[in-house]
Amino acid sequence: MAEILAIQGSARRGGNSDSLLGSALGALQKAQDGSEIETLTASELDITPCRSCHGCWETGICVIDDRMQQVYRQCLEAEHIIVSAPVYFTSLPGQLKVMIDRFQCFWVRTYRLGSPPRPRRSGMFLCIGAMDDTRFFDSASLIIRTWMSTLNMKCKVARFYHGLDAPGDFEHHPDYLKDAAAAAKELKG
């Protein structure tokens, strides 16, 4: 069981979102508090989208038997979840959104059946976008906060970084990586 589950939400490996996540995880590892960190890459999950079949409607358990069964366990066991992702057309990348949509069974557990997961935990969202207008982050933020609430989590820390589009754009914003490291400390503080 990992104390921290880090979710890479970008379709592009080694890009700006991964750099932010790496900075945050580096700060946590440097703190040497013994936290075990596990990383999950949304774009590498072999999962099918939610079919809206209502197979979970009475039990809160998804009837689709694929890699999501393991993802559910990872999310339930983690004390903290950190998601790093870019904004695509004011939302999240498709691969990450497919994963989140498959948590409909947890919405059923929490809000329909009144049986939320274990006691309240905390999460963090690191989000990048090319646009300088903060409104472009609102939808992605709402999706993450809503998803975390179905896991009985609070999105304790959220950071939004603009002006990042091409790989390596951090060269123009070195303070962003420092801020992501500081944000990770807030999550555990």
N, C-alpha and C. Protein backbone atom coordinates (compact mmCIF):
# COMPACT_ATOMS: atom_id res chain seq x y z
N MET A 1 0.84 -1.19 0.00
CA MET A 1 0.00 0.00 0.00
C MET A 1 0.88 1.24 0.00
N ALA A 2 0.67 2.09 -0.98
CA ALA A 2 1.42 3.35 -1.05
C ALA A 2 0.67 4.43 -0.28
N GLU A 3 1.41 5.23 0.45
CA GLU A 3 0.77 6.35 1.14
C GLU A 3 0.35 7.43 0.15
N ILE A 4 1.15 7.59 -0.88
CA ILE A 4 0.88 8.62 -1.89
C ILE A 4 0.75 7.96 -3.25
N LEU A 5 -0.37 8.22 -3.92
CA LEU A 5 -0.57 7.76 -5.28
C LEU A 5 -0.45 8.98 -6.19
N ALA A 6 0.54 8.96 -7.07
CA ALA A 6 0.77 10.06 -8.00
C ALA A 6 0.23 9.65 -9.37
N ILE A 7 -0.68 10.44 -9.91
CA ILE A 7 -1.30 10.12 -11.19
C ILE A 7 -0.82 11.10 -12.25
N GLN A 8 -0.14 10.55 -13.25
CA GLN A 8 0.31 11.33 -14.40
C GLN A 8 -0.86 11.40 -15.39
N GLY A 9 -1.40 12.59 -15.58
CA GLY A 9 -2.59 12.72 -16.40
C GLY A 9 -2.37 13.11 -17.84
N SER A 10 -1.16 13.49 -18.19
CA SER A 10 -0.88 13.93 -19.56
C SER A 10 -0.69 12.74 -20.49
N ALA A 11 -1.06 12.94 -21.74
CA ALA A 11 -0.82 11.91 -22.77
C ALA A 11 0.65 11.90 -23.17
N ARG A 12 1.35 13.00 -22.93
CA ARG A 12 2.76 13.12 -23.32
C ARG A 12 3.67 12.82 -22.14
N ARG A 13 4.52 11.85 -22.29
CA ARG A 13 5.49 11.50 -21.24
C ARG A 13 6.67 12.47 -21.30
N GLY A 14 7.18 12.83 -20.15
CA GLY A 14 8.33 13.70 -20.06
C GLY A 14 8.06 15.16 -20.34
N GLY A 15 6.80 15.55 -20.35
CA GLY A 15 6.45 16.94 -20.63
C GLY A 15 6.34 17.79 -19.37
N ASN A 16 5.65 18.90 -19.51
CA ASN A 16 5.54 19.87 -18.42
C ASN A 16 4.80 19.32 -17.20
N SER A 17 3.72 18.57 -17.42
CA SER A 17 2.97 18.00 -16.29
C SER A 17 3.84 17.03 -15.51
N ASP A 18 4.61 16.21 -16.22
CA ASP A 18 5.51 15.27 -15.54
C ASP A 18 6.60 16.01 -14.78
N SER A 19 7.08 17.12 -15.31
CA SER A 19 8.10 17.91 -14.61
C SER A 19 7.55 18.46 -13.29
N LEU A 20 6.32 18.97 -13.32
CA LEU A 20 5.70 19.46 -12.10
C LEU A 20 5.54 18.35 -11.08
N LEU A 21 5.02 17.22 -11.54
CA LEU A 21 4.81 16.09 -10.64
C LEU A 21 6.15 15.62 -10.07
N GLY A 22 7.18 15.56 -10.90
CA GLY A 22 8.50 15.16 -10.44
C GLY A 22 9.03 16.09 -9.36
N SER A 23 8.80 17.37 -9.53
CA SER A 23 9.25 18.34 -8.52
C SER A 23 8.52 18.13 -7.20
N ALA A 24 7.23 17.91 -7.27
CA ALA A 24 6.44 17.67 -6.06
C ALA A 24 6.88 16.38 -5.36
N LEU A 25 7.03 15.32 -6.13
CA LEU A 25 7.43 14.03 -5.54
C LEU A 25 8.86 14.09 -5.00
N GLY A 26 9.72 14.84 -5.70
CA GLY A 26 11.09 15.02 -5.22
C GLY A 26 11.12 15.68 -3.86
N ALA A 27 10.27 16.67 -3.66
CA ALA A 27 10.20 17.35 -2.36
C ALA A 27 9.74 16.39 -1.27
N LEU A 28 8.79 15.53 -1.60
CA LEU A 28 8.30 14.57 -0.62
C LEU A 28 9.38 13.53 -0.28
N GLN A 29 10.09 13.08 -1.30
CA GLN A 29 11.16 12.11 -1.06
C GLN A 29 12.31 12.73 -0.27
N LYS A 30 12.59 13.99 -0.55
CA LYS A 30 13.67 14.70 0.15
C LYS A 30 13.34 14.87 1.63
N ALA A 31 12.05 14.97 1.94
CA ALA A 31 11.62 15.11 3.33
C ALA A 31 11.93 13.85 4.13
N GLN A 32 12.14 12.74 3.44
CA GLN A 32 12.51 11.46 4.05
C GLN A 32 11.61 11.10 5.23
N ASP A 33 10.32 11.20 5.01
CA ASP A 33 9.40 10.83 6.08
C ASP A 33 8.91 9.39 5.95
N GLY A 34 9.50 8.65 5.03
CA GLY A 34 9.15 7.25 4.87
C GLY A 34 7.91 7.00 4.03
N SER A 35 7.38 8.02 3.42
CA SER A 35 6.19 7.85 2.59
C SER A 35 6.50 7.00 1.36
N GLU A 36 5.70 5.97 1.16
CA GLU A 36 5.84 5.17 -0.05
C GLU A 36 5.02 5.84 -1.15
N ILE A 37 5.64 6.02 -2.31
CA ILE A 37 4.98 6.70 -3.42
C ILE A 37 4.83 5.72 -4.57
N GLU A 38 3.62 5.66 -5.11
CA GLU A 38 3.33 4.82 -6.26
C GLU A 38 2.85 5.74 -7.38
N THR A 39 3.27 5.47 -8.61
CA THR A 39 2.88 6.31 -9.75
C THR A 39 2.01 5.52 -10.72
N LEU A 40 0.99 6.17 -11.20
CA LEU A 40 0.06 5.59 -12.16
C LEU A 40 0.00 6.54 -13.36
N THR A 41 0.09 6.02 -14.56
CA THR A 41 0.03 6.83 -15.77
C THR A 41 -1.28 6.56 -16.49
N ALA A 42 -2.17 7.54 -16.51
CA ALA A 42 -3.51 7.35 -17.07
C ALA A 42 -3.48 6.88 -18.53
N SER A 43 -2.56 7.43 -19.32
CA SER A 43 -2.54 7.09 -20.74
C SER A 43 -2.07 5.66 -21.01
N GLU A 44 -1.52 5.00 -20.01
CA GLU A 44 -1.05 3.63 -20.18
C GLU A 44 -2.02 2.59 -19.64
N LEU A 45 -3.15 3.04 -19.11
CA LEU A 45 -4.14 2.11 -18.56
C LEU A 45 -4.92 1.43 -19.69
N ASP A 46 -5.03 0.13 -19.61
CA ASP A 46 -5.82 -0.63 -20.57
C ASP A 46 -7.22 -0.78 -19.98
N ILE A 47 -8.03 0.28 -20.19
CA ILE A 47 -9.38 0.30 -19.62
C ILE A 47 -10.39 0.71 -20.69
N THR A 48 -11.61 0.34 -20.44
CA THR A 48 -12.71 0.73 -21.31
C THR A 48 -13.47 1.88 -20.65
N PRO A 49 -14.08 2.75 -21.42
CA PRO A 49 -14.86 3.83 -20.81
C PRO A 49 -16.08 3.30 -20.05
N CYS A 50 -16.60 4.10 -19.16
CA CYS A 50 -17.85 3.76 -18.46
C CYS A 50 -18.94 3.57 -19.52
N ARG A 51 -19.72 2.51 -19.36
CA ARG A 51 -20.79 2.21 -20.32
C ARG A 51 -22.13 2.76 -19.86
N SER A 52 -22.15 3.39 -18.70
CA SER A 52 -23.39 3.91 -18.13
C SER A 52 -24.47 2.83 -18.10
N CYS A 53 -24.04 1.62 -17.75
CA CYS A 53 -24.94 0.46 -17.75
C CYS A 53 -25.73 0.31 -16.45
N HIS A 54 -25.36 1.09 -15.46
CA HIS A 54 -25.96 1.04 -14.12
C HIS A 54 -25.74 -0.31 -13.44
N GLY A 55 -24.72 -1.06 -13.88
CA GLY A 55 -24.39 -2.32 -13.24
C GLY A 55 -23.93 -2.13 -11.80
N CYS A 56 -23.47 -0.92 -11.48
CA CYS A 56 -23.00 -0.62 -10.12
C CYS A 56 -24.10 -0.03 -9.25
N TRP A 57 -25.26 0.17 -9.81
CA TRP A 57 -26.31 0.97 -9.18
C TRP A 57 -26.77 0.44 -7.82
N GLU A 58 -26.79 -0.88 -7.65
CA GLU A 58 -27.27 -1.46 -6.39
C GLU A 58 -26.13 -1.83 -5.44
N THR A 59 -24.91 -2.03 -5.97
CA THR A 59 -23.82 -2.51 -5.14
C THR A 59 -22.68 -1.51 -4.97
N GLY A 60 -22.56 -0.57 -5.90
CA GLY A 60 -21.42 0.36 -5.88
C GLY A 60 -20.16 -0.28 -6.40
N ILE A 61 -20.29 -1.40 -7.09
CA ILE A 61 -19.14 -2.12 -7.64
C ILE A 61 -19.27 -2.16 -9.15
N CYS A 62 -18.22 -1.73 -9.83
CA CYS A 62 -18.23 -1.72 -11.29
C CYS A 62 -18.22 -3.16 -11.82
N VAL A 63 -19.06 -3.42 -12.82
CA VAL A 63 -19.16 -4.77 -13.38
C VAL A 63 -18.16 -5.02 -14.50
N ILE A 64 -17.44 -4.00 -14.93
CA ILE A 64 -16.44 -4.17 -15.98
C ILE A 64 -15.15 -4.67 -15.33
N ASP A 65 -14.69 -5.82 -15.77
CA ASP A 65 -13.50 -6.43 -15.17
C ASP A 65 -12.28 -6.12 -16.04
N ASP A 66 -11.57 -5.06 -15.66
CA ASP A 66 -10.35 -4.68 -16.37
C ASP A 66 -9.38 -4.06 -15.38
N ARG A 67 -8.39 -3.36 -15.85
CA ARG A 67 -7.34 -2.78 -15.01
C ARG A 67 -7.88 -1.81 -13.96
N MET A 68 -9.09 -1.30 -14.17
CA MET A 68 -9.67 -0.37 -13.20
C MET A 68 -9.85 -1.00 -11.83
N GLN A 69 -10.05 -2.30 -11.77
CA GLN A 69 -10.21 -2.95 -10.47
C GLN A 69 -8.97 -2.69 -9.60
N GLN A 70 -7.79 -2.73 -10.22
CA GLN A 70 -6.55 -2.44 -9.49
C GLN A 70 -6.45 -0.95 -9.17
N VAL A 71 -6.87 -0.09 -10.10
CA VAL A 71 -6.84 1.35 -9.87
C VAL A 71 -7.74 1.71 -8.69
N TYR A 72 -8.91 1.09 -8.61
CA TYR A 72 -9.81 1.35 -7.48
C TYR A 72 -9.09 1.04 -6.16
N ARG A 73 -8.43 -0.12 -6.10
CA ARG A 73 -7.72 -0.49 -4.87
C ARG A 73 -6.61 0.52 -4.55
N GLN A 74 -5.85 0.92 -5.58
CA GLN A 74 -4.77 1.88 -5.35
C GLN A 74 -5.33 3.19 -4.78
N CYS A 75 -6.43 3.65 -5.32
CA CYS A 75 -7.01 4.92 -4.86
C CYS A 75 -7.60 4.79 -3.46
N LEU A 76 -8.16 3.65 -3.15
CA LEU A 76 -8.72 3.44 -1.82
C LEU A 76 -7.65 3.35 -0.75
N GLU A 77 -6.51 2.75 -1.10
CA GLU A 77 -5.46 2.53 -0.12
C GLU A 77 -4.59 3.76 0.13
N ALA A 78 -4.51 4.65 -0.83
CA ALA A 78 -3.63 5.82 -0.70
C ALA A 78 -4.17 6.81 0.32
N GLU A 79 -3.27 7.34 1.10
CA GLU A 79 -3.62 8.40 2.04
C GLU A 79 -3.76 9.74 1.32
N HIS A 80 -2.95 9.93 0.29
CA HIS A 80 -2.98 11.15 -0.50
C HIS A 80 -2.91 10.78 -1.98
N ILE A 81 -3.61 11.53 -2.81
CA ILE A 81 -3.52 11.36 -4.26
C ILE A 81 -3.09 12.70 -4.85
N ILE A 82 -2.09 12.64 -5.71
CA ILE A 82 -1.62 13.82 -6.42
C ILE A 82 -1.87 13.60 -7.91
N VAL A 83 -2.57 14.52 -8.53
CA VAL A 83 -2.84 14.44 -9.97
C VAL A 83 -2.14 15.62 -10.64
N SER A 84 -1.42 15.32 -11.71
CA SER A 84 -0.78 16.36 -12.51
C SER A 84 -1.26 16.20 -13.95
N ALA A 85 -1.80 17.27 -14.52
CA ALA A 85 -2.36 17.17 -15.87
C ALA A 85 -2.42 18.53 -16.55
N PRO A 86 -2.40 18.52 -17.87
CA PRO A 86 -2.62 19.76 -18.62
C PRO A 86 -4.12 19.98 -18.84
N VAL A 87 -4.44 21.17 -19.27
CA VAL A 87 -5.81 21.50 -19.68
C VAL A 87 -5.90 21.35 -21.18
N TYR A 88 -6.87 20.58 -21.63
CA TYR A 88 -7.18 20.44 -23.06
C TYR A 88 -8.59 20.99 -23.27
N PHE A 89 -8.72 22.07 -23.98
CA PHE A 89 -10.04 22.67 -24.24
C PHE A 89 -10.85 22.84 -22.97
N THR A 90 -10.26 23.39 -21.94
CA THR A 90 -10.81 23.68 -20.61
C THR A 90 -11.16 22.43 -19.81
N SER A 91 -10.68 21.28 -20.21
CA SER A 91 -10.97 20.05 -19.48
C SER A 91 -9.68 19.25 -19.31
N LEU A 92 -9.83 17.99 -18.95
CA LEU A 92 -8.69 17.10 -18.74
C LEU A 92 -8.42 16.28 -19.99
N PRO A 93 -7.21 15.75 -20.15
CA PRO A 93 -6.93 14.86 -21.26
C PRO A 93 -7.87 13.65 -21.23
N GLY A 94 -8.22 13.16 -22.40
CA GLY A 94 -9.20 12.09 -22.53
C GLY A 94 -8.88 10.84 -21.72
N GLN A 95 -7.63 10.43 -21.72
CA GLN A 95 -7.26 9.21 -21.00
C GLN A 95 -7.53 9.35 -19.50
N LEU A 96 -7.21 10.50 -18.94
CA LEU A 96 -7.47 10.74 -17.52
C LEU A 96 -8.97 10.83 -17.27
N LYS A 97 -9.68 11.48 -18.17
CA LYS A 97 -11.13 11.62 -17.99
C LYS A 97 -11.84 10.28 -18.07
N VAL A 98 -11.38 9.38 -18.95
CA VAL A 98 -11.97 8.04 -19.01
C VAL A 98 -11.78 7.33 -17.67
N MET A 99 -10.59 7.44 -17.09
CA MET A 99 -10.33 6.82 -15.79
C MET A 99 -11.27 7.41 -14.73
N ILE A 100 -11.38 8.72 -14.70
CA ILE A 100 -12.25 9.36 -13.70
C ILE A 100 -13.70 8.96 -13.90
N ASP A 101 -14.17 8.90 -15.13
CA ASP A 101 -15.56 8.50 -15.38
C ASP A 101 -15.86 7.11 -14.86
N ARG A 102 -14.86 6.25 -14.84
CA ARG A 102 -15.07 4.89 -14.34
C ARG A 102 -15.27 4.85 -12.82
N PHE A 103 -15.11 5.98 -12.15
CA PHE A 103 -15.39 6.05 -10.72
C PHE A 103 -16.86 6.33 -10.43
N GLN A 104 -17.70 6.17 -11.43
CA GLN A 104 -19.15 6.32 -11.22
C GLN A 104 -19.61 5.39 -10.11
N CYS A 105 -19.00 4.21 -10.02
CA CYS A 105 -19.38 3.26 -8.97
C CYS A 105 -19.09 3.83 -7.58
N PHE A 106 -18.08 4.66 -7.45
CA PHE A 106 -17.79 5.29 -6.17
C PHE A 106 -18.76 6.43 -5.88
N TRP A 107 -19.22 7.09 -6.93
CA TRP A 107 -20.28 8.08 -6.74
C TRP A 107 -21.51 7.37 -6.19
N VAL A 108 -21.82 6.22 -6.76
CA VAL A 108 -22.97 5.43 -6.29
C VAL A 108 -22.77 5.06 -4.82
N ARG A 109 -21.59 4.56 -4.47
CA ARG A 109 -21.32 4.17 -3.08
C ARG A 109 -21.49 5.36 -2.13
N THR A 110 -20.88 6.46 -2.51
CA THR A 110 -20.84 7.62 -1.62
C THR A 110 -22.17 8.35 -1.54
N TYR A 111 -22.78 8.64 -2.68
CA TYR A 111 -23.94 9.52 -2.68
C TYR A 111 -25.29 8.80 -2.83
N ARG A 112 -25.32 7.65 -3.45
CA ARG A 112 -26.58 6.93 -3.61
C ARG A 112 -26.78 5.93 -2.48
N LEU A 113 -25.73 5.17 -2.14
CA LEU A 113 -25.83 4.15 -1.11
C LEU A 113 -25.42 4.64 0.27
N GLY A 114 -24.84 5.85 0.33
CA GLY A 114 -24.46 6.43 1.62
C GLY A 114 -23.34 5.69 2.33
N SER A 115 -22.44 5.10 1.55
CA SER A 115 -21.33 4.34 2.13
C SER A 115 -20.01 4.81 1.53
N PRO A 116 -19.57 6.02 1.91
CA PRO A 116 -18.33 6.55 1.34
C PRO A 116 -17.12 5.73 1.78
N PRO A 117 -16.03 5.80 1.01
CA PRO A 117 -14.80 5.12 1.41
C PRO A 117 -14.31 5.61 2.77
N ARG A 118 -13.26 4.98 3.22
CA ARG A 118 -12.70 5.25 4.55
C ARG A 118 -12.60 6.74 4.87
N PRO A 119 -12.30 7.08 6.11
CA PRO A 119 -12.32 8.49 6.54
C PRO A 119 -11.61 9.46 5.60
N ARG A 120 -12.06 10.67 5.69
CA ARG A 120 -11.60 11.76 4.81
C ARG A 120 -10.08 11.79 4.69
N ARG A 121 -9.61 11.86 3.46
CA ARG A 121 -8.19 11.95 3.13
C ARG A 121 -7.99 13.20 2.29
N SER A 122 -6.75 13.44 1.85
CA SER A 122 -6.51 14.67 1.10
C SER A 122 -5.81 14.40 -0.23
N GLY A 123 -6.04 15.31 -1.16
CA GLY A 123 -5.44 15.21 -2.48
C GLY A 123 -4.89 16.54 -2.95
N MET A 124 -4.21 16.48 -4.09
CA MET A 124 -3.59 17.67 -4.66
C MET A 124 -3.73 17.62 -6.18
N PHE A 125 -3.91 18.78 -6.79
CA PHE A 125 -4.04 18.88 -8.23
C PHE A 125 -3.05 19.92 -8.75
N LEU A 126 -2.18 19.49 -9.65
CA LEU A 126 -1.24 20.37 -10.34
C LEU A 126 -1.68 20.43 -11.79
N CYS A 127 -1.97 21.62 -12.28
CA CYS A 127 -2.55 21.74 -13.61
C CYS A 127 -1.83 22.82 -14.41
N ILE A 128 -1.55 22.50 -15.67
CA ILE A 128 -0.88 23.46 -16.54
C ILE A 128 -1.75 23.79 -17.75
N GLY A 129 -1.48 24.94 -18.32
CA GLY A 129 -2.17 25.34 -19.54
C GLY A 129 -1.41 26.45 -20.24
N ALA A 130 -1.65 26.57 -21.51
CA ALA A 130 -0.98 27.60 -22.29
C ALA A 130 -1.61 28.98 -22.07
N MET A 131 -2.89 29.01 -21.78
CA MET A 131 -3.62 30.27 -21.66
C MET A 131 -3.31 30.99 -20.35
N ASP A 132 -3.32 32.30 -20.39
CA ASP A 132 -3.05 33.09 -19.20
C ASP A 132 -4.31 33.41 -18.39
N ASP A 133 -5.45 33.05 -18.89
CA ASP A 133 -6.73 33.33 -18.24
C ASP A 133 -7.09 32.17 -17.31
N THR A 134 -7.25 32.44 -16.02
CA THR A 134 -7.51 31.38 -15.05
C THR A 134 -8.85 30.67 -15.29
N ARG A 135 -9.76 31.29 -16.01
CA ARG A 135 -11.05 30.63 -16.30
C ARG A 135 -10.87 29.31 -17.03
N PHE A 136 -9.77 29.17 -17.79
CA PHE A 136 -9.55 27.95 -18.55
C PHE A 136 -9.23 26.76 -17.65
N PHE A 137 -8.94 27.00 -16.39
CA PHE A 137 -8.66 25.93 -15.44
C PHE A 137 -9.88 25.50 -14.65
N ASP A 138 -10.95 26.29 -14.67
CA ASP A 138 -12.10 26.05 -13.80
C ASP A 138 -12.75 24.68 -14.00
N SER A 139 -12.97 24.29 -15.23
CA SER A 139 -13.64 23.02 -15.49
C SER A 139 -12.79 21.84 -15.03
N ALA A 140 -11.51 21.85 -15.35
CA ALA A 140 -10.62 20.77 -14.93
C ALA A 140 -10.57 20.67 -13.41
N SER A 141 -10.52 21.81 -12.74
CA SER A 141 -10.49 21.83 -11.29
C SER A 141 -11.77 21.24 -10.70
N LEU A 142 -12.91 21.60 -11.26
CA LEU A 142 -14.19 21.08 -10.78
C LEU A 142 -14.26 19.56 -10.96
N ILE A 143 -13.78 19.06 -12.09
CA ILE A 143 -13.78 17.61 -12.33
C ILE A 143 -12.93 16.90 -11.27
N ILE A 144 -11.73 17.40 -11.02
CA ILE A 144 -10.84 16.76 -10.04
C ILE A 144 -11.46 16.82 -8.65
N ARG A 145 -11.98 17.96 -8.26
CA ARG A 145 -12.57 18.09 -6.91
C ARG A 145 -13.78 17.17 -6.75
N THR A 146 -14.60 17.08 -7.78
CA THR A 146 -15.78 16.21 -7.72
C THR A 146 -15.35 14.75 -7.64
N TRP A 147 -14.37 14.37 -8.47
CA TRP A 147 -13.87 12.99 -8.44
C TRP A 147 -13.31 12.65 -7.07
N MET A 148 -12.50 13.55 -6.51
CA MET A 148 -11.92 13.29 -5.19
C MET A 148 -13.01 13.16 -4.13
N SER A 149 -14.08 13.93 -4.26
CA SER A 149 -15.15 13.84 -3.25
C SER A 149 -15.81 12.47 -3.27
N THR A 150 -15.88 11.80 -4.42
CA THR A 150 -16.46 10.46 -4.46
C THR A 150 -15.57 9.45 -3.74
N LEU A 151 -14.29 9.79 -3.59
CA LEU A 151 -13.34 8.95 -2.85
C LEU A 151 -13.25 9.37 -1.39
N ASN A 152 -14.12 10.28 -0.99
CA ASN A 152 -14.11 10.84 0.36
C ASN A 152 -12.79 11.56 0.63
N MET A 153 -12.36 12.30 -0.39
CA MET A 153 -11.12 13.07 -0.29
C MET A 153 -11.43 14.55 -0.49
N LYS A 154 -10.61 15.36 0.10
CA LYS A 154 -10.67 16.80 -0.13
C LYS A 154 -9.46 17.18 -0.97
N CYS A 155 -9.68 17.97 -2.00
CA CYS A 155 -8.56 18.50 -2.78
C CYS A 155 -7.98 19.65 -1.96
N LYS A 156 -7.04 19.29 -1.10
CA LYS A 156 -6.47 20.24 -0.14
C LYS A 156 -5.62 21.30 -0.81
N VAL A 157 -4.91 20.92 -1.87
CA VAL A 157 -4.00 21.83 -2.55
C VAL A 157 -4.26 21.77 -4.05
N ALA A 158 -4.40 22.93 -4.67
CA ALA A 158 -4.56 23.00 -6.13
C ALA A 158 -3.71 24.15 -6.64
N ARG A 159 -2.95 23.87 -7.67
CA ARG A 159 -2.09 24.88 -8.28
C ARG A 159 -2.31 24.88 -9.78
N PHE A 160 -2.31 26.08 -10.35
CA PHE A 160 -2.55 26.24 -11.78
C PHE A 160 -1.43 27.09 -12.36
N TYR A 161 -0.82 26.56 -13.40
CA TYR A 161 0.35 27.18 -14.00
C TYR A 161 0.06 27.49 -15.47
N HIS A 162 0.12 28.77 -15.82
CA HIS A 162 -0.18 29.19 -17.19
C HIS A 162 1.10 29.45 -17.97
N GLY A 163 0.95 29.55 -19.27
CA GLY A 163 2.09 29.86 -20.14
C GLY A 163 2.97 28.66 -20.45
N LEU A 164 2.46 27.46 -20.20
CA LEU A 164 3.21 26.23 -20.47
C LEU A 164 2.52 25.45 -21.57
N ASP A 165 3.20 25.26 -22.67
CA ASP A 165 2.61 24.51 -23.78
C ASP A 165 3.62 23.53 -24.37
N ALA A 166 4.71 24.05 -24.89
CA ALA A 166 5.73 23.20 -25.51
C ALA A 166 6.62 22.57 -24.43
N PRO A 167 7.15 21.37 -24.71
CA PRO A 167 8.09 20.77 -23.75
C PRO A 167 9.24 21.74 -23.45
N GLY A 168 9.59 21.82 -22.19
CA GLY A 168 10.70 22.69 -21.79
C GLY A 168 10.31 24.12 -21.50
N ASP A 169 9.03 24.45 -21.54
CA ASP A 169 8.61 25.83 -21.25
C ASP A 169 8.92 26.27 -19.83
N PHE A 170 9.30 25.33 -18.96
CA PHE A 170 9.67 25.70 -17.60
C PHE A 170 10.90 26.59 -17.55
N GLU A 171 11.69 26.57 -18.62
CA GLU A 171 12.87 27.45 -18.65
C GLU A 171 12.46 28.91 -18.48
N HIS A 172 11.24 29.24 -18.90
CA HIS A 172 10.74 30.61 -18.78
C HIS A 172 10.01 30.84 -17.46
N HIS A 173 9.77 29.76 -16.70
CA HIS A 173 9.03 29.86 -15.43
C HIS A 173 9.67 28.98 -14.36
N PRO A 174 10.91 29.23 -13.98
CA PRO A 174 11.58 28.35 -13.00
C PRO A 174 10.89 28.34 -11.64
N ASP A 175 10.15 29.38 -11.33
CA ASP A 175 9.45 29.45 -10.05
C ASP A 175 8.32 28.42 -9.95
N TYR A 176 7.81 27.94 -11.08
CA TYR A 176 6.72 26.96 -11.07
C TYR A 176 7.16 25.65 -10.42
N LEU A 177 8.35 25.18 -10.73
CA LEU A 177 8.83 23.92 -10.16
C LEU A 177 9.03 24.06 -8.65
N LYS A 178 9.52 25.20 -8.21
CA LYS A 178 9.68 25.45 -6.78
C LYS A 178 8.32 25.48 -6.09
N ASP A 179 7.35 26.08 -6.76
CA ASP A 179 6.00 26.15 -6.18
C ASP A 179 5.37 24.76 -6.07
N ALA A 180 5.59 23.89 -7.06
CA ALA A 180 5.04 22.53 -7.00
C ALA A 180 5.65 21.77 -5.82
N ALA A 181 6.93 21.98 -5.57
CA ALA A 181 7.59 21.34 -4.41
C ALA A 181 6.98 21.85 -3.11
N ALA A 182 6.73 23.16 -3.04
CA ALA A 182 6.13 23.74 -1.84
C ALA A 182 4.70 23.22 -1.66
N ALA A 183 3.98 23.06 -2.76
CA ALA A 183 2.61 22.56 -2.70
C ALA A 183 2.56 21.16 -2.11
N ALA A 184 3.53 20.32 -2.46
CA ALA A 184 3.59 18.96 -1.92
C ALA A 184 3.76 18.98 -0.40
N LYS A 185 4.54 19.91 0.08
CA LYS A 185 4.72 20.02 1.53
C LYS A 185 3.43 20.46 2.21
N GLU A 186 2.65 21.30 1.53
CA GLU A 186 1.35 21.72 2.07
C GLU A 186 0.41 20.53 2.18
N LEU A 187 0.48 19.65 1.21
CA LEU A 187 -0.39 18.46 1.20
C LEU A 187 -0.18 17.64 2.47
N LYS A 188 1.07 17.47 2.84
CA LYS A 188 1.39 16.62 4.00
C LYS A 188 1.36 17.40 5.31
N GLY A 189 1.27 18.73 5.22
CA GLY A 189 1.33 19.56 6.42
C GLY A 189 0.02 19.74 7.10
